[in-house]
Amino acid sequence: MGRSPRVDESLREGDLLIGAVADMGYQAVHHEILIEDAVRDSNLIIAPDGISGNLIFRTLTFLGEGVAWGAAVHYDLGKVFVDTSRAGGSYSGAVKLAAALSTIIGGS
């Protein structure tokens, strides 16, 4: 901590998210800024905000040949909404992500 107020807040939010995920019975790791560790060790990356998420998506998908299923947004509305990229080419992953999320939060 102490890098900058914005970075400190993002790190705190990441820790809170890990706690919430653990409370739901899932395992999660907060890799902080070490995206190379997240790519190597994890199967899902949650970005701190939309701009970062878009940069991560474009870097991993278009440069690194990664696979993206979309971004879950508006989780707190009690409905499942998955944002996708028009450049992604396929929506099957987004449908799978939406189906998985709907079993957790319900959806209409």
N, C-alpha and C. Protein backbone atom coordinates (compact mmCIF):
# COMPACT_ATOMS: atom_id res chain seq x y z
N MET A 1 0.84 -1.18 0.00
CA MET A 1 0.00 0.00 0.00
C MET A 1 0.89 1.24 0.00
N GLY A 2 0.29 2.36 -0.33
CA GLY A 2 1.04 3.60 -0.34
C GLY A 2 1.49 4.03 -1.72
N ARG A 3 1.11 3.28 -2.76
CA ARG A 3 1.53 3.66 -4.11
C ARG A 3 0.81 4.93 -4.55
N SER A 4 -0.49 4.93 -4.42
CA SER A 4 -1.33 6.09 -4.70
C SER A 4 -2.71 5.78 -4.13
N PRO A 5 -3.51 6.79 -3.85
CA PRO A 5 -4.84 6.52 -3.30
C PRO A 5 -5.69 5.63 -4.21
N ARG A 6 -5.61 5.85 -5.51
CA ARG A 6 -6.41 5.04 -6.44
C ARG A 6 -5.95 3.59 -6.45
N VAL A 7 -4.66 3.37 -6.47
CA VAL A 7 -4.12 2.00 -6.45
C VAL A 7 -4.45 1.33 -5.13
N ASP A 8 -4.28 2.05 -4.03
CA ASP A 8 -4.60 1.49 -2.71
C ASP A 8 -6.06 1.06 -2.63
N GLU A 9 -6.96 1.90 -3.14
CA GLU A 9 -8.39 1.57 -3.12
C GLU A 9 -8.67 0.34 -3.98
N SER A 10 -8.03 0.25 -5.14
CA SER A 10 -8.21 -0.91 -6.01
C SER A 10 -7.74 -2.19 -5.32
N LEU A 11 -6.61 -2.11 -4.62
CA LEU A 11 -6.10 -3.28 -3.89
C LEU A 11 -7.05 -3.69 -2.77
N ARG A 12 -7.59 -2.70 -2.05
CA ARG A 12 -8.57 -3.00 -0.99
C ARG A 12 -9.83 -3.65 -1.58
N GLU A 13 -10.30 -3.12 -2.70
CA GLU A 13 -11.49 -3.70 -3.34
C GLU A 13 -11.23 -5.13 -3.78
N GLY A 14 -10.02 -5.40 -4.28
CA GLY A 14 -9.66 -6.76 -4.66
C GLY A 14 -9.70 -7.71 -3.48
N ASP A 15 -9.19 -7.25 -2.35
CA ASP A 15 -9.23 -8.08 -1.13
C ASP A 15 -10.67 -8.33 -0.68
N LEU A 16 -11.52 -7.30 -0.77
CA LEU A 16 -12.94 -7.47 -0.41
C LEU A 16 -13.62 -8.47 -1.34
N LEU A 17 -13.29 -8.40 -2.62
CA LEU A 17 -13.88 -9.33 -3.59
C LEU A 17 -13.47 -10.77 -3.29
N ILE A 18 -12.21 -10.97 -2.95
CA ILE A 18 -11.73 -12.31 -2.60
C ILE A 18 -12.51 -12.84 -1.40
N GLY A 19 -12.73 -11.98 -0.41
CA GLY A 19 -13.51 -12.39 0.76
C GLY A 19 -14.93 -12.76 0.39
N ALA A 20 -15.56 -11.97 -0.47
CA ALA A 20 -16.94 -12.26 -0.89
C ALA A 20 -17.02 -13.56 -1.66
N VAL A 21 -16.05 -13.80 -2.52
CA VAL A 21 -16.03 -15.05 -3.30
C VAL A 21 -15.81 -16.24 -2.37
N ALA A 22 -14.92 -16.10 -1.40
CA ALA A 22 -14.69 -17.17 -0.42
C ALA A 22 -15.94 -17.45 0.39
N ASP A 23 -16.68 -16.40 0.76
CA ASP A 23 -17.93 -16.58 1.50
C ASP A 23 -18.96 -17.36 0.70
N MET A 24 -18.86 -17.30 -0.63
CA MET A 24 -19.77 -18.05 -1.50
C MET A 24 -19.31 -19.49 -1.70
N GLY A 25 -18.14 -19.83 -1.13
CA GLY A 25 -17.64 -21.19 -1.23
C GLY A 25 -16.70 -21.44 -2.39
N TYR A 26 -16.20 -20.38 -3.00
CA TYR A 26 -15.29 -20.53 -4.14
C TYR A 26 -13.89 -20.11 -3.75
N GLN A 27 -12.92 -20.68 -4.46
CA GLN A 27 -11.52 -20.31 -4.23
C GLN A 27 -11.15 -19.20 -5.21
N ALA A 28 -10.46 -18.20 -4.74
CA ALA A 28 -10.00 -17.11 -5.59
C ALA A 28 -8.67 -16.59 -5.07
N VAL A 29 -7.91 -16.00 -5.96
CA VAL A 29 -6.60 -15.44 -5.62
C VAL A 29 -6.56 -14.00 -6.13
N HIS A 30 -6.05 -13.10 -5.30
CA HIS A 30 -5.87 -11.71 -5.71
C HIS A 30 -4.43 -11.57 -6.18
N HIS A 31 -4.24 -11.50 -7.49
CA HIS A 31 -2.89 -11.39 -8.05
C HIS A 31 -2.39 -9.95 -8.12
N GLU A 32 -3.22 -9.02 -7.66
CA GLU A 32 -2.88 -7.60 -7.70
C GLU A 32 -2.52 -7.19 -9.12
N ILE A 33 -1.37 -6.59 -9.35
CA ILE A 33 -1.02 -6.12 -10.68
C ILE A 33 -0.31 -7.19 -11.52
N LEU A 34 -0.03 -8.33 -10.94
CA LEU A 34 0.76 -9.36 -11.61
C LEU A 34 -0.11 -10.20 -12.54
N ILE A 35 -0.49 -9.62 -13.66
CA ILE A 35 -1.37 -10.31 -14.59
C ILE A 35 -0.72 -11.57 -15.16
N GLU A 36 0.60 -11.57 -15.25
CA GLU A 36 1.30 -12.76 -15.74
C GLU A 36 1.06 -13.94 -14.80
N ASP A 37 0.97 -13.70 -13.50
CA ASP A 37 0.65 -14.77 -12.55
C ASP A 37 -0.80 -15.21 -12.69
N ALA A 38 -1.69 -14.25 -12.89
CA ALA A 38 -3.10 -14.58 -13.07
C ALA A 38 -3.31 -15.45 -14.30
N VAL A 39 -2.65 -15.12 -15.39
CA VAL A 39 -2.78 -15.90 -16.62
C VAL A 39 -2.22 -17.30 -16.42
N ARG A 40 -1.12 -17.41 -15.72
CA ARG A 40 -0.49 -18.71 -15.51
C ARG A 40 -1.27 -19.57 -14.52
N ASP A 41 -1.78 -18.99 -13.45
CA ASP A 41 -2.32 -19.77 -12.33
C ASP A 41 -3.84 -19.85 -12.26
N SER A 42 -4.55 -19.01 -12.98
CA SER A 42 -6.00 -18.92 -12.80
C SER A 42 -6.75 -19.14 -14.10
N ASN A 43 -8.06 -19.37 -13.99
CA ASN A 43 -8.85 -19.58 -15.20
C ASN A 43 -9.90 -18.49 -15.40
N LEU A 44 -9.86 -17.46 -14.58
CA LEU A 44 -10.78 -16.33 -14.71
C LEU A 44 -10.08 -15.09 -14.19
N ILE A 45 -10.17 -14.01 -14.95
CA ILE A 45 -9.59 -12.74 -14.53
C ILE A 45 -10.72 -11.74 -14.36
N ILE A 46 -10.76 -11.10 -13.21
CA ILE A 46 -11.75 -10.06 -12.94
C ILE A 46 -11.01 -8.73 -12.90
N ALA A 47 -11.34 -7.86 -13.82
CA ALA A 47 -10.68 -6.55 -13.91
C ALA A 47 -11.28 -5.58 -12.90
N PRO A 48 -10.50 -4.61 -12.45
CA PRO A 48 -11.01 -3.66 -11.45
C PRO A 48 -12.02 -2.66 -12.01
N ASP A 49 -12.00 -2.45 -13.33
CA ASP A 49 -12.95 -1.52 -13.94
C ASP A 49 -13.02 -1.81 -15.44
N GLY A 50 -13.93 -1.14 -16.11
CA GLY A 50 -14.15 -1.40 -17.52
C GLY A 50 -12.98 -1.05 -18.41
N ILE A 51 -12.30 0.04 -18.13
CA ILE A 51 -11.16 0.42 -18.96
C ILE A 51 -10.05 -0.61 -18.83
N SER A 52 -9.72 -0.98 -17.60
CA SER A 52 -8.69 -2.01 -17.40
C SER A 52 -9.12 -3.32 -18.03
N GLY A 53 -10.38 -3.68 -17.86
CA GLY A 53 -10.89 -4.92 -18.45
C GLY A 53 -10.76 -4.93 -19.95
N ASN A 54 -11.05 -3.81 -20.58
CA ASN A 54 -10.93 -3.73 -22.03
C ASN A 54 -9.48 -3.88 -22.46
N LEU A 55 -8.56 -3.24 -21.75
CA LEU A 55 -7.14 -3.36 -22.08
C LEU A 55 -6.64 -4.79 -21.87
N ILE A 56 -7.06 -5.42 -20.77
CA ILE A 56 -6.68 -6.81 -20.51
C ILE A 56 -7.24 -7.71 -21.60
N PHE A 57 -8.52 -7.54 -21.93
CA PHE A 57 -9.15 -8.34 -22.97
C PHE A 57 -8.41 -8.22 -24.29
N ARG A 58 -8.16 -7.00 -24.74
CA ARG A 58 -7.52 -6.80 -26.04
C ARG A 58 -6.10 -7.36 -26.06
N THR A 59 -5.38 -7.18 -24.97
CA THR A 59 -4.01 -7.69 -24.92
C THR A 59 -3.99 -9.22 -24.95
N LEU A 60 -4.78 -9.85 -24.09
CA LEU A 60 -4.76 -11.31 -24.01
C LEU A 60 -5.39 -11.97 -25.23
N THR A 61 -6.46 -11.38 -25.75
CA THR A 61 -7.19 -12.02 -26.84
C THR A 61 -6.55 -11.75 -28.20
N PHE A 62 -6.28 -10.50 -28.50
CA PHE A 62 -5.79 -10.17 -29.82
C PHE A 62 -4.28 -10.35 -29.98
N LEU A 63 -3.52 -10.13 -28.92
CA LEU A 63 -2.07 -10.31 -29.01
C LEU A 63 -1.61 -11.66 -28.49
N GLY A 64 -2.26 -12.15 -27.45
CA GLY A 64 -1.82 -13.37 -26.81
C GLY A 64 -2.61 -14.61 -27.17
N GLU A 65 -3.56 -14.50 -28.10
CA GLU A 65 -4.38 -15.63 -28.53
C GLU A 65 -5.16 -16.25 -27.38
N GLY A 66 -5.54 -15.43 -26.41
CA GLY A 66 -6.37 -15.90 -25.31
C GLY A 66 -7.82 -16.03 -25.73
N VAL A 67 -8.62 -16.57 -24.84
CA VAL A 67 -10.04 -16.75 -25.09
C VAL A 67 -10.82 -15.91 -24.09
N ALA A 68 -11.74 -15.12 -24.59
CA ALA A 68 -12.57 -14.29 -23.71
C ALA A 68 -14.02 -14.71 -23.83
N TRP A 69 -14.71 -14.76 -22.71
CA TRP A 69 -16.12 -15.12 -22.69
C TRP A 69 -17.01 -13.92 -22.47
N GLY A 70 -16.45 -12.79 -22.19
CA GLY A 70 -17.25 -11.60 -21.95
C GLY A 70 -17.04 -11.10 -20.54
N ALA A 71 -17.72 -10.03 -20.24
CA ALA A 71 -17.60 -9.40 -18.92
C ALA A 71 -18.97 -9.32 -18.27
N ALA A 72 -19.05 -9.86 -17.08
CA ALA A 72 -20.30 -9.75 -16.32
C ALA A 72 -20.39 -8.34 -15.75
N VAL A 73 -21.49 -7.67 -16.02
CA VAL A 73 -21.68 -6.32 -15.50
C VAL A 73 -23.04 -6.21 -14.84
N HIS A 74 -23.20 -5.23 -13.99
CA HIS A 74 -24.46 -4.99 -13.28
C HIS A 74 -24.88 -6.20 -12.46
N TYR A 75 -23.91 -6.86 -11.86
CA TYR A 75 -24.17 -8.05 -11.04
C TYR A 75 -25.14 -7.74 -9.91
N ASP A 76 -25.07 -6.54 -9.37
CA ASP A 76 -25.90 -6.18 -8.22
C ASP A 76 -27.36 -5.94 -8.58
N LEU A 77 -27.73 -5.98 -9.84
CA LEU A 77 -29.12 -5.79 -10.25
C LEU A 77 -29.93 -7.08 -10.11
N GLY A 78 -29.25 -8.19 -9.83
CA GLY A 78 -29.96 -9.46 -9.70
C GLY A 78 -30.30 -10.09 -11.03
N LYS A 79 -29.73 -9.57 -12.09
CA LYS A 79 -29.93 -10.13 -13.43
C LYS A 79 -28.56 -10.39 -14.05
N VAL A 80 -28.53 -11.30 -14.98
CA VAL A 80 -27.27 -11.63 -15.64
C VAL A 80 -27.16 -10.82 -16.93
N PHE A 81 -26.07 -10.10 -17.06
CA PHE A 81 -25.78 -9.33 -18.26
C PHE A 81 -24.30 -9.51 -18.56
N VAL A 82 -23.98 -10.03 -19.73
CA VAL A 82 -22.58 -10.26 -20.11
C VAL A 82 -22.26 -9.37 -21.30
N ASP A 83 -21.29 -8.50 -21.13
CA ASP A 83 -20.83 -7.61 -22.19
C ASP A 83 -19.82 -8.36 -23.04
N THR A 84 -19.94 -8.24 -24.35
CA THR A 84 -19.03 -8.93 -25.26
C THR A 84 -18.40 -7.93 -26.22
N SER A 85 -17.41 -8.40 -26.94
CA SER A 85 -16.75 -7.59 -27.95
C SER A 85 -17.30 -7.94 -29.33
N ARG A 86 -17.60 -6.93 -30.11
CA ARG A 86 -18.03 -7.18 -31.49
C ARG A 86 -16.92 -7.85 -32.28
N ALA A 87 -15.68 -7.62 -31.89
CA ALA A 87 -14.54 -8.19 -32.60
C ALA A 87 -14.20 -9.60 -32.14
N GLY A 88 -14.93 -10.10 -31.14
CA GLY A 88 -14.61 -11.41 -30.57
C GLY A 88 -14.89 -12.58 -31.48
N GLY A 89 -15.86 -12.47 -32.38
CA GLY A 89 -16.11 -13.53 -33.34
C GLY A 89 -17.14 -14.56 -32.94
N SER A 90 -17.27 -14.88 -31.68
CA SER A 90 -18.22 -15.91 -31.24
C SER A 90 -18.83 -15.49 -29.91
N TYR A 91 -20.10 -15.85 -29.74
CA TYR A 91 -20.80 -15.51 -28.51
C TYR A 91 -21.07 -16.73 -27.64
N SER A 92 -20.57 -17.90 -28.05
CA SER A 92 -20.87 -19.12 -27.29
C SER A 92 -20.29 -19.05 -25.88
N GLY A 93 -19.10 -18.49 -25.71
CA GLY A 93 -18.51 -18.35 -24.39
C GLY A 93 -19.33 -17.44 -23.50
N ALA A 94 -19.85 -16.34 -24.06
CA ALA A 94 -20.68 -15.42 -23.29
C ALA A 94 -21.96 -16.10 -22.83
N VAL A 95 -22.53 -16.94 -23.68
CA VAL A 95 -23.74 -17.68 -23.30
C VAL A 95 -23.42 -18.64 -22.16
N LYS A 96 -22.26 -19.31 -22.24
CA LYS A 96 -21.85 -20.23 -21.16
C LYS A 96 -21.64 -19.47 -19.85
N LEU A 97 -20.99 -18.30 -19.93
CA LEU A 97 -20.76 -17.49 -18.73
C LEU A 97 -22.09 -17.03 -18.14
N ALA A 98 -23.00 -16.57 -18.98
CA ALA A 98 -24.31 -16.12 -18.50
C ALA A 98 -25.07 -17.27 -17.84
N ALA A 99 -25.00 -18.46 -18.43
CA ALA A 99 -25.68 -19.62 -17.84
C ALA A 99 -25.09 -19.96 -16.48
N ALA A 100 -23.76 -19.93 -16.38
CA ALA A 100 -23.11 -20.23 -15.10
C ALA A 100 -23.48 -19.19 -14.04
N LEU A 101 -23.47 -17.93 -14.42
CA LEU A 101 -23.81 -16.87 -13.47
C LEU A 101 -25.27 -16.94 -13.05
N SER A 102 -26.14 -17.34 -13.96
CA SER A 102 -27.56 -17.40 -13.62
C SER A 102 -27.85 -18.48 -12.58
N THR A 103 -27.01 -19.51 -12.52
CA THR A 103 -27.21 -20.54 -11.49
C THR A 103 -26.79 -20.02 -10.12
N ILE A 104 -25.93 -19.00 -10.10
CA ILE A 104 -25.45 -18.43 -8.85
C ILE A 104 -26.39 -17.34 -8.34
N ILE A 105 -26.74 -16.40 -9.22
CA ILE A 105 -27.54 -15.26 -8.76
C ILE A 105 -28.99 -15.33 -9.22
N GLY A 106 -29.31 -16.31 -10.03
CA GLY A 106 -30.64 -16.34 -10.62
C GLY A 106 -30.67 -15.36 -11.77
N GLY A 107 -31.61 -15.44 -12.56
CA GLY A 107 -31.67 -14.52 -13.69
C GLY A 107 -33.01 -14.62 -14.35
N SER A 108 -33.36 -13.56 -15.00
CA SER A 108 -34.63 -13.58 -15.70
C SER A 108 -34.45 -13.09 -17.10
